[in-house]
Structures are given as structure tokens and as C-alpha cells.
PDB file of N, CA and C in Angstrom:
ATOM      1  N   MET A   1      27.183 -32.087 -34.876  1.00  0.00           N
ATOM      2  CA  MET A   1      27.215 -32.282 -36.065  1.00  0.00           C
ATOM      3  C   MET A   1      25.602 -33.292 -36.037  1.00  0.00           C
ATOM      4  N   ASN A   2      24.861 -33.309 -36.674  1.00  0.00           N
ATOM      5  CA  ASN A   2      23.473 -34.591 -36.757  1.00  0.00           C
ATOM      6  C   ASN A   2      23.564 -35.291 -37.477  1.00  0.00           C
ATOM      7  N   ALA A   3      23.127 -36.639 -37.235  1.00  0.00           N
ATOM      8  CA  ALA A   3      23.291 -37.587 -37.935  1.00  0.00           C
ATOM      9  C   ALA A   3      21.967 -38.442 -37.806  1.00  0.00           C
ATOM     10  N   MET A   4      21.983 -38.950 -39.039  1.00  0.00           N
ATOM     11  CA  MET A   4      21.025 -40.455 -38.949  1.00  0.00           C
ATOM     12  C   MET A   4      21.404 -41.351 -39.432  1.00  0.00           C
ATOM     13  N   LEU A   5      20.640 -42.219 -38.563  1.00  0.00           N
ATOM     14  CA  LEU A   5      21.321 -43.476 -38.713  1.00  0.00           C
ATOM     15  C   LEU A   5      20.289 -44.896 -38.989  1.00  0.00           C
ATOM     16  N   VAL A   6      20.941 -45.489 -40.244  1.00  0.00           N
ATOM     17  CA  VAL A   6      19.934 -46.011 -40.805  1.00  0.00           C
ATOM     18  C   VAL A   6      20.683 -47.554 -41.110  1.00  0.00           C
ATOM     19  N   GLY A   7      19.755 -48.808 -40.088  1.00  0.00           N
ATOM     20  CA  GLY A   7      20.289 -50.195 -40.302  1.00  0.00           C
ATOM     21  C   GLY A   7      20.580 -50.221 -38.226  1.00  0.00           C
ATOM     22  N   ALA A   8      20.679 -51.943 -38.388  1.00  0.00           N
ATOM     23  CA  ALA A   8      20.407 -52.361 -36.942  1.00  0.00           C
ATOM     24  C   ALA A   8      19.360 -51.942 -35.984  1.00  0.00           C
ATOM     25  N   ASP A   9      18.990 -53.283 -34.993  1.00  0.00           N
ATOM     26  CA  ASP A   9      17.885 -52.546 -34.539  1.00  0.00           C
ATOM     27  C   ASP A   9      18.166 -52.429 -33.069  1.00  0.00           C
ATOM     28  N   ARG A  10      19.379 -52.368 -32.596  1.00  0.00           N
ATOM     29  CA  ARG A  10      19.918 -52.019 -31.518  1.00  0.00           C
ATOM     30  C   ARG A  10      21.372 -51.072 -31.875  1.00  0.00           C
ATOM     31  N   LEU A  11      21.458 -50.067 -31.151  1.00  0.00           N
ATOM     32  CA  LEU A  11      22.410 -49.138 -30.980  1.00  0.00           C
ATOM     33  C   LEU A  11      23.369 -49.470 -30.291  1.00  0.00           C
ATOM     34  N   GLY A  12      23.073 -50.232 -28.927  1.00  0.00           N
ATOM     35  CA  GLY A  12      24.115 -50.145 -28.081  1.00  0.00           C
ATOM     36  C   GLY A  12      25.263 -49.318 -27.758  1.00  0.00           C
ATOM     37  N   SER A  13      26.147 -49.034 -27.196  1.00  0.00           N
ATOM     38  CA  SER A  13      27.435 -48.094 -27.360  1.00  0.00           C
ATOM     39  C   SER A  13      27.549 -47.178 -28.312  1.00  0.00           C
ATOM     40  N   ILE A  14      26.775 -47.321 -29.635  1.00  0.00           N
ATOM     41  CA  ILE A  14      27.204 -46.655 -30.874  1.00  0.00           C
ATOM     42  C   ILE A  14      26.450 -45.001 -30.152  1.00  0.00           C
ATOM     43  N   PRO A  15      25.552 -44.550 -29.569  1.00  0.00           N
ATOM     44  CA  PRO A  15      25.388 -43.170 -29.460  1.00  0.00           C
ATOM     45  C   PRO A  15      26.553 -42.278 -28.643  1.00  0.00           C
ATOM     46  N   GLU A  16      27.015 -42.974 -27.447  1.00  0.00           N
ATOM     47  CA  GLU A  16      28.085 -42.581 -26.328  1.00  0.00           C
ATOM     48  C   GLU A  16      29.397 -42.307 -27.548  1.00  0.00           C
ATOM     49  N   ARG A  17      29.922 -43.258 -28.731  1.00  0.00           N
ATOM     50  CA  ARG A  17      30.690 -43.299 -29.378  1.00  0.00           C
ATOM     51  C   ARG A  17      30.680 -42.185 -30.492  1.00  0.00           C
ATOM     52  N   LEU A  18      29.436 -41.868 -30.969  1.00  0.00           N
ATOM     53  CA  LEU A  18      29.156 -40.606 -31.591  1.00  0.00           C
ATOM     54  C   LEU A  18      29.123 -39.482 -30.983  1.00  0.00           C
ATOM     55  N   ALA A  19      28.377 -39.280 -29.395  1.00  0.00           N
ATOM     56  CA  ALA A  19      28.968 -38.029 -28.685  1.00  0.00           C
ATOM     57  C   ALA A  19      30.276 -37.894 -28.531  1.00  0.00           C
ATOM     58  N   SER A  20      31.280 -38.510 -28.240  1.00  0.00           N
ATOM     59  CA  SER A  20      32.414 -38.311 -28.467  1.00  0.00           C
ATOM     60  C   SER A  20      33.224 -37.785 -29.694  1.00  0.00           C
ATOM     61  N   PHE A  21      32.466 -37.687 -30.709  1.00  0.00           N
ATOM     62  CA  PHE A  21      32.828 -37.760 -31.965  1.00  0.00           C
ATOM     63  C   PHE A  21      31.906 -35.902 -32.162  1.00  0.00           C
ATOM     64  N   GLY A  22      31.209 -35.480 -31.200  1.00  0.00           N
ATOM     65  CA  GLY A  22      30.345 -34.381 -31.610  1.00  0.00           C
ATOM     66  C   GLY A  22      29.265 -34.871 -32.333  1.00  0.00           C
ATOM     67  N   ILE A  23      28.703 -35.794 -32.353  1.00  0.00           N
ATOM     68  CA  ILE A  23      27.421 -36.252 -33.482  1.00  0.00           C
ATOM     69  C   ILE A  23      26.160 -36.526 -32.571  1.00  0.00           C
ATOM     70  N   THR A  24      25.074 -36.111 -32.949  1.00  0.00           N
ATOM     71  CA  THR A  24      23.549 -35.920 -32.278  1.00  0.00           C
ATOM     72  C   THR A  24      23.100 -37.031 -33.238  1.00  0.00           C
ATOM     73  N   ILE A  25      22.537 -38.012 -32.542  1.00  0.00           N
ATOM     74  CA  ILE A  25      21.269 -38.952 -33.772  1.00  0.00           C
ATOM     75  C   ILE A  25      20.419 -38.176 -33.476  1.00  0.00           C
ATOM     76  N   THR A  26      19.589 -37.874 -34.616  1.00  0.00           N
ATOM     77  CA  THR A  26      18.691 -37.110 -34.536  1.00  0.00           C
ATOM     78  C   THR A  26      17.457 -38.201 -35.366  1.00  0.00           C
ATOM     79  N   ARG A  27      17.880 -38.949 -36.229  1.00  0.00           N
ATOM     80  CA  ARG A  27      16.600 -40.069 -36.557  1.00  0.00           C
ATOM     81  C   ARG A  27      17.304 -41.740 -36.628  1.00  0.00           C
ATOM     82  N   HIS A  28      16.814 -42.106 -36.357  1.00  0.00           N
ATOM     83  CA  HIS A  28      17.494 -44.274 -36.448  1.00  0.00           C
ATOM     84  C   HIS A  28      15.876 -44.861 -37.371  1.00  0.00           C
ATOM     85  N   VAL A  29      16.988 -45.087 -38.677  1.00  0.00           N
ATOM     86  CA  VAL A  29      15.671 -46.229 -39.323  1.00  0.00           C
ATOM     87  C   VAL A  29      16.107 -47.818 -39.184  1.00  0.00           C
ATOM     88  N   SER A  30      15.613 -48.703 -38.519  1.00  0.00           N
ATOM     89  CA  SER A  30      16.172 -50.022 -39.123  1.00  0.00           C
ATOM     90  C   SER A  30      16.191 -50.385 -40.273  1.00  0.00           C
ATOM     91  N   GLY A  31      15.979 -50.122 -41.173  1.00  0.00           N
ATOM     92  CA  GLY A  31      15.563 -50.644 -41.987  1.00  0.00           C
ATOM     93  C   GLY A  31      15.323 -52.065 -42.612  1.00  0.00           C
ATOM     94  N   ARG A  32      14.592 -52.795 -41.328  1.00  0.00           N
ATOM     95  CA  ARG A  32      14.223 -54.326 -41.570  1.00  0.00           C
ATOM     96  C   ARG A  32      12.587 -53.893 -41.584  1.00  0.00           C
ATOM     97  N   ASN A  33      12.007 -53.005 -41.833  1.00  0.00           N
ATOM     98  CA  ASN A  33      10.415 -52.849 -41.825  1.00  0.00           C
ATOM     99  C   ASN A  33      10.787 -52.758 -43.465  1.00  0.00           C
ATOM    100  N   ALA A  34       9.199 -54.188 -43.788  1.00  0.00           N
ATOM    101  CA  ALA A  34       9.092 -53.882 -45.081  1.00  0.00           C
ATOM    102  C   ALA A  34       8.209 -52.649 -45.630  1.00  0.00           C
ATOM    103  N   THR A  35       8.022 -52.111 -45.052  1.00  0.00           N
ATOM    104  CA  THR A  35       7.750 -50.210 -45.901  1.00  0.00           C
ATOM    105  C   THR A  35       8.915 -49.771 -45.914  1.00  0.00           C
ATOM    106  N   HIS A  36      10.128 -50.012 -44.939  1.00  0.00           N
ATOM    107  CA  HIS A  36      11.485 -49.054 -45.585  1.00  0.00           C
ATOM    108  C   HIS A  36      11.996 -49.378 -46.391  1.00  0.00           C
ATOM    109  N   GLN A  37      11.643 -50.570 -46.890  1.00  0.00           N
ATOM    110  CA  GLN A  37      12.265 -51.195 -48.055  1.00  0.00           C
ATOM    111  C   GLN A  37      11.514 -50.926 -49.542  1.00  0.00           C
ATOM    112  N   ARG A  38      10.133 -50.764 -49.051  1.00  0.00           N
ATOM    113  CA  ARG A  38       9.633 -50.285 -50.602  1.00  0.00           C
ATOM    114  C   ARG A  38       9.466 -48.642 -50.580  1.00  0.00           C
ATOM    115  N   ARG A  39       9.269 -48.383 -49.937  1.00  0.00           N
ATOM    116  CA  ARG A  39       8.795 -46.754 -49.660  1.00  0.00           C
ATOM    117  C   ARG A  39      10.166 -46.186 -48.521  1.00  0.00           C
ATOM    118  N   LEU A  40      10.712 -45.716 -49.125  1.00  0.00           N
ATOM    119  CA  LEU A  40      12.050 -45.206 -48.025  1.00  0.00           C
ATOM    120  C   LEU A  40      11.701 -43.858 -47.507  1.00  0.00           C
ATOM    121  N   PRO A  41      11.795 -43.515 -46.085  1.00  0.00           N
ATOM    122  CA  PRO A  41      11.738 -41.908 -45.656  1.00  0.00           C
ATOM    123  C   PRO A  41      12.190 -41.080 -45.886  1.00  0.00           C
ATOM    124  N   ALA A  42      12.134 -40.021 -46.162  1.00  0.00           N
ATOM    125  CA  ALA A  42      13.439 -39.126 -46.848  1.00  0.00           C
ATOM    126  C   ALA A  42      13.898 -38.503 -45.485  1.00  0.00           C
ATOM    127  N   LEU A  43      15.174 -38.555 -46.323  1.00  0.00           N
ATOM    128  CA  LEU A  43      16.218 -37.607 -45.198  1.00  0.00           C
ATOM    129  C   LEU A  43      15.743 -36.232 -44.404  1.00  0.00           C
ATOM    130  N   PRO A  44      15.935 -36.200 -43.201  1.00  0.00           N
ATOM    131  CA  PRO A  44      15.643 -34.913 -42.744  1.00  0.00           C
ATOM    132  C   PRO A  44      16.629 -33.727 -42.737  1.00  0.00           C
ATOM    133  N   LYS A  45      15.991 -32.281 -42.620  1.00  0.00           N
ATOM    134  CA  LYS A  45      16.736 -31.572 -43.683  1.00  0.00           C
ATOM    135  C   LYS A  45      18.056 -31.129 -42.948  1.00  0.00           C
ATOM    136  N   ASP A  46      17.558 -30.995 -41.811  1.00  0.00           N
ATOM    137  CA  ASP A  46      18.719 -30.898 -40.415  1.00  0.00           C
ATOM    138  C   ASP A  46      20.084 -31.833 -40.262  1.00  0.00           C
ATOM    139  N   ILE A  47      19.948 -32.729 -40.919  1.00  0.00           N
ATOM    140  CA  ILE A  47      21.164 -33.703 -40.878  1.00  0.00           C
ATOM    141  C   ILE A  47      22.583 -33.619 -41.397  1.00  0.00           C
ATOM    142  N   ASP A  48      23.570 -33.539 -41.364  1.00  0.00           N
ATOM    143  CA  ASP A  48      25.197 -33.378 -41.765  1.00  0.00           C
ATOM    144  C   ASP A  48      25.859 -34.226 -42.404  1.00  0.00           C
ATOM    145  N   LEU A  49      25.577 -35.759 -41.801  1.00  0.00           N
ATOM    146  CA  LEU A  49      25.501 -37.000 -41.786  1.00  0.00           C
ATOM    147  C   LEU A  49      24.911 -37.961 -41.849  1.00  0.00           C
ATOM    148  N   LEU A  50      25.043 -39.024 -42.196  1.00  0.00           N
ATOM    149  CA  LEU A  50      23.924 -40.424 -43.127  1.00  0.00           C
ATOM    150  C   LEU A  50      25.217 -41.492 -42.605  1.00  0.00           C
ATOM    151  N   ILE A  51      24.805 -42.244 -41.694  1.00  0.00           N
ATOM    152  CA  ILE A  51      25.343 -43.352 -41.239  1.00  0.00           C
ATOM    153  C   ILE A  51      24.646 -44.364 -41.462  1.00  0.00           C
ATOM    154  N   LEU A  52      24.932 -45.541 -42.783  1.00  0.00           N
ATOM    155  CA  LEU A  52      24.770 -46.663 -42.866  1.00  0.00           C
ATOM    156  C   LEU A  52      25.127 -48.218 -42.432  1.00  0.00           C
ATOM    157  N   PHE A  53      24.595 -48.860 -41.456  1.00  0.00           N
ATOM    158  CA  PHE A  53      25.046 -50.384 -41.294  1.00  0.00           C
ATOM    159  C   PHE A  53      25.119 -51.053 -42.340  1.00  0.00           C
ATOM    160  N   THR A  54      26.114 -51.023 -42.790  1.00  0.00           N
ATOM    161  CA  THR A  54      25.968 -52.179 -44.010  1.00  0.00           C
ATOM    162  C   THR A  54      25.629 -53.849 -44.130  1.00  0.00           C
ATOM    163  N   ASP A  55      25.903 -54.095 -42.726  1.00  0.00           N
ATOM    164  CA  ASP A  55      25.422 -55.345 -42.386  1.00  0.00           C
ATOM    165  C   ASP A  55      23.792 -55.967 -42.066  1.00  0.00           C
ATOM    166  N   PHE A  56      23.003 -54.834 -42.366  1.00  0.00           N
ATOM    167  CA  PHE A  56      21.703 -54.660 -41.571  1.00  0.00           C
ATOM    168  C   PHE A  56      20.934 -54.157 -42.911  1.00  0.00           C
ATOM    169  N   LEU A  57      21.878 -53.848 -44.077  1.00  0.00           N
ATOM    170  CA  LEU A  57      20.072 -53.214 -45.206  1.00  0.00           C
ATOM    171  C   LEU A  57      20.995 -54.189 -45.947  1.00  0.00           C
ATOM    172  N   GLY A  58      19.714 -54.260 -47.073  1.00  0.00           N
ATOM    173  CA  GLY A  58      20.064 -54.873 -48.639  1.00  0.00           C
ATOM    174  C   GLY A  58      20.496 -53.841 -49.515  1.00  0.00           C
ATOM    175  N   HIS A  59      21.180 -54.017 -50.606  1.00  0.00           N
ATOM    176  CA  HIS A  59      21.902 -52.884 -51.674  1.00  0.00           C
ATOM    177  C   HIS A  59      20.713 -52.212 -52.214  1.00  0.00           C
ATOM    178  N   ASN A  60      19.103 -52.367 -52.181  1.00  0.00           N
ATOM    179  CA  ASN A  60      18.461 -51.046 -52.669  1.00  0.00           C
ATOM    180  C   ASN A  60      18.349 -50.450 -51.667  1.00  0.00           C
ATOM    181  N   VAL A  61      18.104 -50.386 -50.829  1.00  0.00           N
ATOM    182  CA  VAL A  61      17.840 -49.711 -49.571  1.00  0.00           C
ATOM    183  C   VAL A  61      19.265 -48.619 -49.336  1.00  0.00           C
ATOM    184  N   MET A  62      20.252 -49.025 -49.537  1.00  0.00           N
ATOM    185  CA  MET A  62      21.395 -48.222 -49.475  1.00  0.00           C
ATOM    186  C   MET A  62      21.877 -47.598 -50.615  1.00  0.00           C
ATOM    187  N   LYS A  63      21.224 -48.070 -51.900  1.00  0.00           N
ATOM    188  CA  LYS A  63      21.761 -47.449 -52.608  1.00  0.00           C
ATOM    189  C   LYS A  63      21.040 -46.071 -52.897  1.00  0.00           C
ATOM    190  N   SER A  64      19.631 -46.360 -52.302  1.00  0.00           N
ATOM    191  CA  SER A  64      18.354 -45.070 -52.341  1.00  0.00           C
ATOM    192  C   SER A  64      18.697 -43.918 -51.499  1.00  0.00           C
ATOM    193  N   PHE A  65      19.426 -44.452 -49.998  1.00  0.00           N
ATOM    194  CA  PHE A  65      19.666 -43.545 -49.078  1.00  0.00           C
ATOM    195  C   PHE A  65      20.957 -42.233 -49.065  1.00  0.00           C
ATOM    196  N   ARG A  66      21.978 -43.582 -50.390  1.00  0.00           N
ATOM    197  CA  ARG A  66      23.327 -42.677 -50.498  1.00  0.00           C
ATOM    198  C   ARG A  66      22.770 -41.912 -51.774  1.00  0.00           C
ATOM    199  N   SER A  67      21.878 -41.873 -52.426  1.00  0.00           N
ATOM    200  CA  SER A  67      21.259 -40.832 -53.807  1.00  0.00           C
ATOM    201  C   SER A  67      20.778 -39.963 -53.269  1.00  0.00           C
ATOM    202  N   GLN A  68      19.987 -39.980 -52.337  1.00  0.00           N
ATOM    203  CA  GLN A  68      19.330 -38.622 -51.245  1.00  0.00           C
ATOM    204  C   GLN A  68      20.455 -38.109 -50.901  1.00  0.00           C
ATOM    205  N   ALA A  69      21.424 -38.970 -50.113  1.00  0.00           N
ATOM    206  CA  ALA A  69      22.466 -37.915 -49.366  1.00  0.00           C
ATOM    207  C   ALA A  69      22.748 -37.105 -50.331  1.00  0.00           C
ATOM    208  N   GLN A  70      23.450 -37.563 -51.419  1.00  0.00           N
ATOM    209  CA  GLN A  70      24.458 -36.833 -52.606  1.00  0.00           C
ATOM    210  C   GLN A  70      23.517 -35.908 -53.194  1.00  0.00           C
ATOM    211  N   ALA A  71      22.400 -36.163 -53.196  1.00  0.00           N
ATOM    212  CA  ALA A  71      21.450 -35.374 -54.038  1.00  0.00           C
ATOM    213  C   ALA A  71      21.406 -33.941 -53.131  1.00  0.00           C
ATOM    214  N   ASP A  72      21.113 -34.355 -51.638  1.00  0.00           N
ATOM    215  CA  ASP A  72      21.066 -33.428 -50.671  1.00  0.00           C
ATOM    216  C   ASP A  72      22.781 -32.854 -50.325  1.00  0.00           C
ATOM    217  N   GLY A  73      23.709 -33.152 -50.579  1.00  0.00           N
ATOM    218  CA  GLY A  73      25.168 -32.928 -50.070  1.00  0.00           C
ATOM    219  C   GLY A  73      25.328 -32.964 -48.296  1.00  0.00           C
ATOM    220  N   VAL A  74      24.981 -34.289 -47.965  1.00  0.00           N
ATOM    221  CA  VAL A  74      25.123 -34.834 -46.863  1.00  0.00           C
ATOM    222  C   VAL A  74      26.297 -36.139 -47.288  1.00  0.00           C
ATOM    223  N   ARG A  75      27.005 -35.764 -46.164  1.00  0.00           N
ATOM    224  CA  ARG A  75      28.382 -37.014 -45.754  1.00  0.00           C
ATOM    225  C   ARG A  75      27.723 -38.236 -45.736  1.00  0.00           C
ATOM    226  N   VAL A  76      28.142 -39.435 -46.177  1.00  0.00           N
ATOM    227  CA  VAL A  76      27.847 -40.640 -46.122  1.00  0.00           C
ATOM    228  C   VAL A  76      28.931 -41.808 -45.388  1.00  0.00           C
ATOM    229  N   VAL A  77      28.739 -42.423 -44.369  1.00  0.00           N
ATOM    230  CA  VAL A  77      29.785 -43.089 -43.617  1.00  0.00           C
ATOM    231  C   VAL A  77      29.059 -44.618 -43.888  1.00  0.00           C
ATOM    232  N   ALA A  78      29.094 -45.535 -44.399  1.00  0.00           N
ATOM    233  CA  ALA A  78      28.831 -46.872 -44.610  1.00  0.00           C
ATOM    234  C   ALA A  78      29.881 -47.723 -43.806  1.00  0.00           C
ATOM    235  N   CYS A  79      29.366 -48.778 -42.865  1.00  0.00           N
ATOM    236  CA  CYS A  79      30.498 -49.652 -41.866  1.00  0.00           C
ATOM    237  C   CYS A  79      29.467 -50.507 -41.472  1.00  0.00           C
ATOM    238  N   ARG A  80      30.233 -51.444 -40.810  1.00  0.00           N
ATOM    239  CA  ARG A  80      29.447 -52.620 -39.851  1.00  0.00           C
ATOM    240  C   ARG A  80      28.965 -52.243 -38.656  1.00  0.00           C
ATOM    241  N   ARG A  81      27.849 -52.527 -38.144  1.00  0.00           N
ATOM    242  CA  ARG A  81      27.452 -52.337 -36.814  1.00  0.00           C
ATOM    243  C   ARG A  81      28.269 -52.352 -35.660  1.00  0.00           C
ATOM    244  N   SER A  82      29.508 -52.059 -35.736  1.00  0.00           N
ATOM    245  CA  SER A  82      30.105 -51.935 -34.815  1.00  0.00           C
ATOM    246  C   SER A  82      30.735 -50.829 -34.207  1.00  0.00           C
ATOM    247  N   ALA A  83      30.825 -50.326 -32.899  1.00  0.00           N
ATOM    248  CA  ALA A  83      31.732 -48.795 -32.554  1.00  0.00           C
ATOM    249  C   ALA A  83      32.579 -48.731 -32.820  1.00  0.00           C
ATOM    250  N   SER A  84      33.727 -49.819 -32.970  1.00  0.00           N
ATOM    251  CA  SER A  84      34.851 -49.433 -33.332  1.00  0.00           C
ATOM    252  C   SER A  84      34.994 -49.449 -34.748  1.00  0.00           C
ATOM    253  N   CYS A  85      34.205 -50.253 -35.757  1.00  0.00           N
ATOM    254  CA  CYS A  85      34.402 -49.799 -37.193  1.00  0.00           C
ATOM    255  C   CYS A  85      33.809 -48.768 -37.271  1.00  0.00           C
ATOM    256  N   LEU A  86      32.877 -47.920 -36.591  1.00  0.00           N
ATOM    257  CA  LEU A  86      31.823 -46.948 -36.592  1.00  0.00           C
ATOM    258  C   LEU A  86      33.306 -45.643 -36.727  1.00  0.00           C
ATOM    259  N   ALA A  87      33.950 -45.882 -35.024  1.00  0.00           N
ATOM    260  CA  ALA A  87      35.128 -44.630 -34.887  1.00  0.00           C
ATOM    261  C   ALA A  87      35.824 -44.550 -35.879  1.00  0.00           C
ATOM    262  N   GLU A  88      36.241 -45.851 -36.621  1.00  0.00           N
ATOM    263  CA  GLU A  88      37.498 -45.605 -37.687  1.00  0.00           C
ATOM    264  C   GLU A  88      36.986 -45.156 -38.951  1.00  0.00           C
ATOM    265  N   GLU A  89      35.916 -45.108 -39.426  1.00  0.00           N
ATOM    266  CA  GLU A  89      35.061 -44.889 -40.950  1.00  0.00           C
ATOM    267  C   GLU A  89      35.104 -43.092 -40.541  1.00  0.00           C
ATOM    268  N   LEU A  90      34.771 -43.030 -39.023  1.00  0.00           N
ATOM    269  CA  LEU A  90      34.020 -41.611 -39.113  1.00  0.00           C
ATOM    270  C   LEU A  90      35.541 -40.499 -38.839  1.00  0.00           C
ATOM    271  N   GLU A  91      36.397 -41.277 -38.251  1.00  0.00           N
ATOM    272  CA  GLU A  91      38.151 -40.302 -38.462  1.00  0.00           C
ATOM    273  C   GLU A  91      38.468 -40.438 -40.090  1.00  0.00           C
ATOM    274  N   ARG A  92      38.154 -41.388 -40.408  1.00  0.00           N
ATOM    275  CA  ARG A  92      38.604 -41.303 -42.103  1.00  0.00           C
ATOM    276  C   ARG A  92      37.773 -40.430 -42.675  1.00  0.00           C
ATOM    277  N   CYS A  93      36.675 -40.136 -42.252  1.00  0.00           N
ATOM    278  CA  CYS A  93      35.603 -39.470 -43.056  1.00  0.00           C
ATOM    279  C   CYS A  93      35.645 -38.042 -42.890  1.00  0.00           C
ATOM    280  N   LEU A  94      35.856 -37.581 -41.366  1.00  0.00           N
ATOM    281  CA  LEU A  94      35.735 -36.253 -40.629  1.00  0.00           C
ATOM    282  C   LEU A  94      37.610 -35.675 -40.964  1.00  0.00           C
ATOM    283  N   VAL A  95      38.388 -36.297 -41.059  1.00  0.00           N
ATOM    284  CA  VAL A  95      39.803 -35.951 -41.607  1.00  0.00           C
ATOM    285  C   VAL A  95      39.811 -35.798 -42.856  1.00  0.00           C
ATOM    286  N   ALA A  96      39.057 -35.810 -44.135  1.00  0.00           N
ATOM    287  CA  ALA A  96      39.114 -36.173 -45.357  1.00  0.00           C
ATOM    288  C   ALA A  96      38.418 -35.246 -45.817  1.00  0.00           C
ATOM    289  N   VAL A  97      37.279 -34.754 -44.891  1.00  0.00           N
ATOM    290  CA  VAL A  97      36.492 -34.040 -45.693  1.00  0.00           C
ATOM    291  C   VAL A  97      36.498 -32.545 -44.093  1.00  0.00           C
ATOM    292  N   PRO A  98      37.163 -31.700 -43.995  1.00  0.00           N
ATOM    293  CA  PRO A  98      36.882 -31.100 -42.928  1.00  0.00           C
ATOM    294  C   PRO A  98      35.323 -30.350 -42.831  1.00  0.00           C
ATOM    295  N   ALA A  99      34.812 -30.155 -41.365  1.00  0.00           N
ATOM    296  CA  ALA A  99      33.259 -29.662 -41.076  1.00  0.00           C
ATOM    297  C   ALA A  99      33.760 -27.981 -41.089  1.00  0.00           C
TER     298      ALA A  99
END
């Protein structure tokens, strides 16, 4: 499964945690860049999951990415930038909607 991450300057142990779920990071956007807040990049066509780190993003940025994901039929996970919070949300998301 391929994922795009939005938020966070550094990922720390998150790539390893995602790999344990069989998820590969195809793109990471920090969301802090001023151009990302005015003109958001489009979602890559090959992603299956969008991960939003809520403690690093503004409401408008999150809303825009969520609406793009919904239009493309991509699942969305929103959580704080913490490996444990991410794991909890992934377990909930992946169990609720089988791949």
C-alpha cells in the first residue's frame, strides 16, 4: 500500500512503523511551506492512503487534502505526529475497511 504524508518536518520512526503495516511512503509534504498553504500539490495517482498529521497543519490545508482524497477515493487517516497515535489510527482504519 502506498501513502502520502502531509505534515511534520521530520518523520523520525514513522517510516519503520508504516513498513510494519506494509505501507510505503511515496510522498511527504511538510505543509509549512507558504506555497503549500496557498496552492496545494495534487495527490499522486498511485496512493492508497493519505495520512494527515493534525498538529502540524492548518484547517484549510487539511480540508483541501481531505476533499482531494474523497474525490479520488483515497482513504484518509488523521492523527498527531506520534508513531503510537499513527499505529492506533491505522489499526482502526485498516480493520474498519478491509483492503
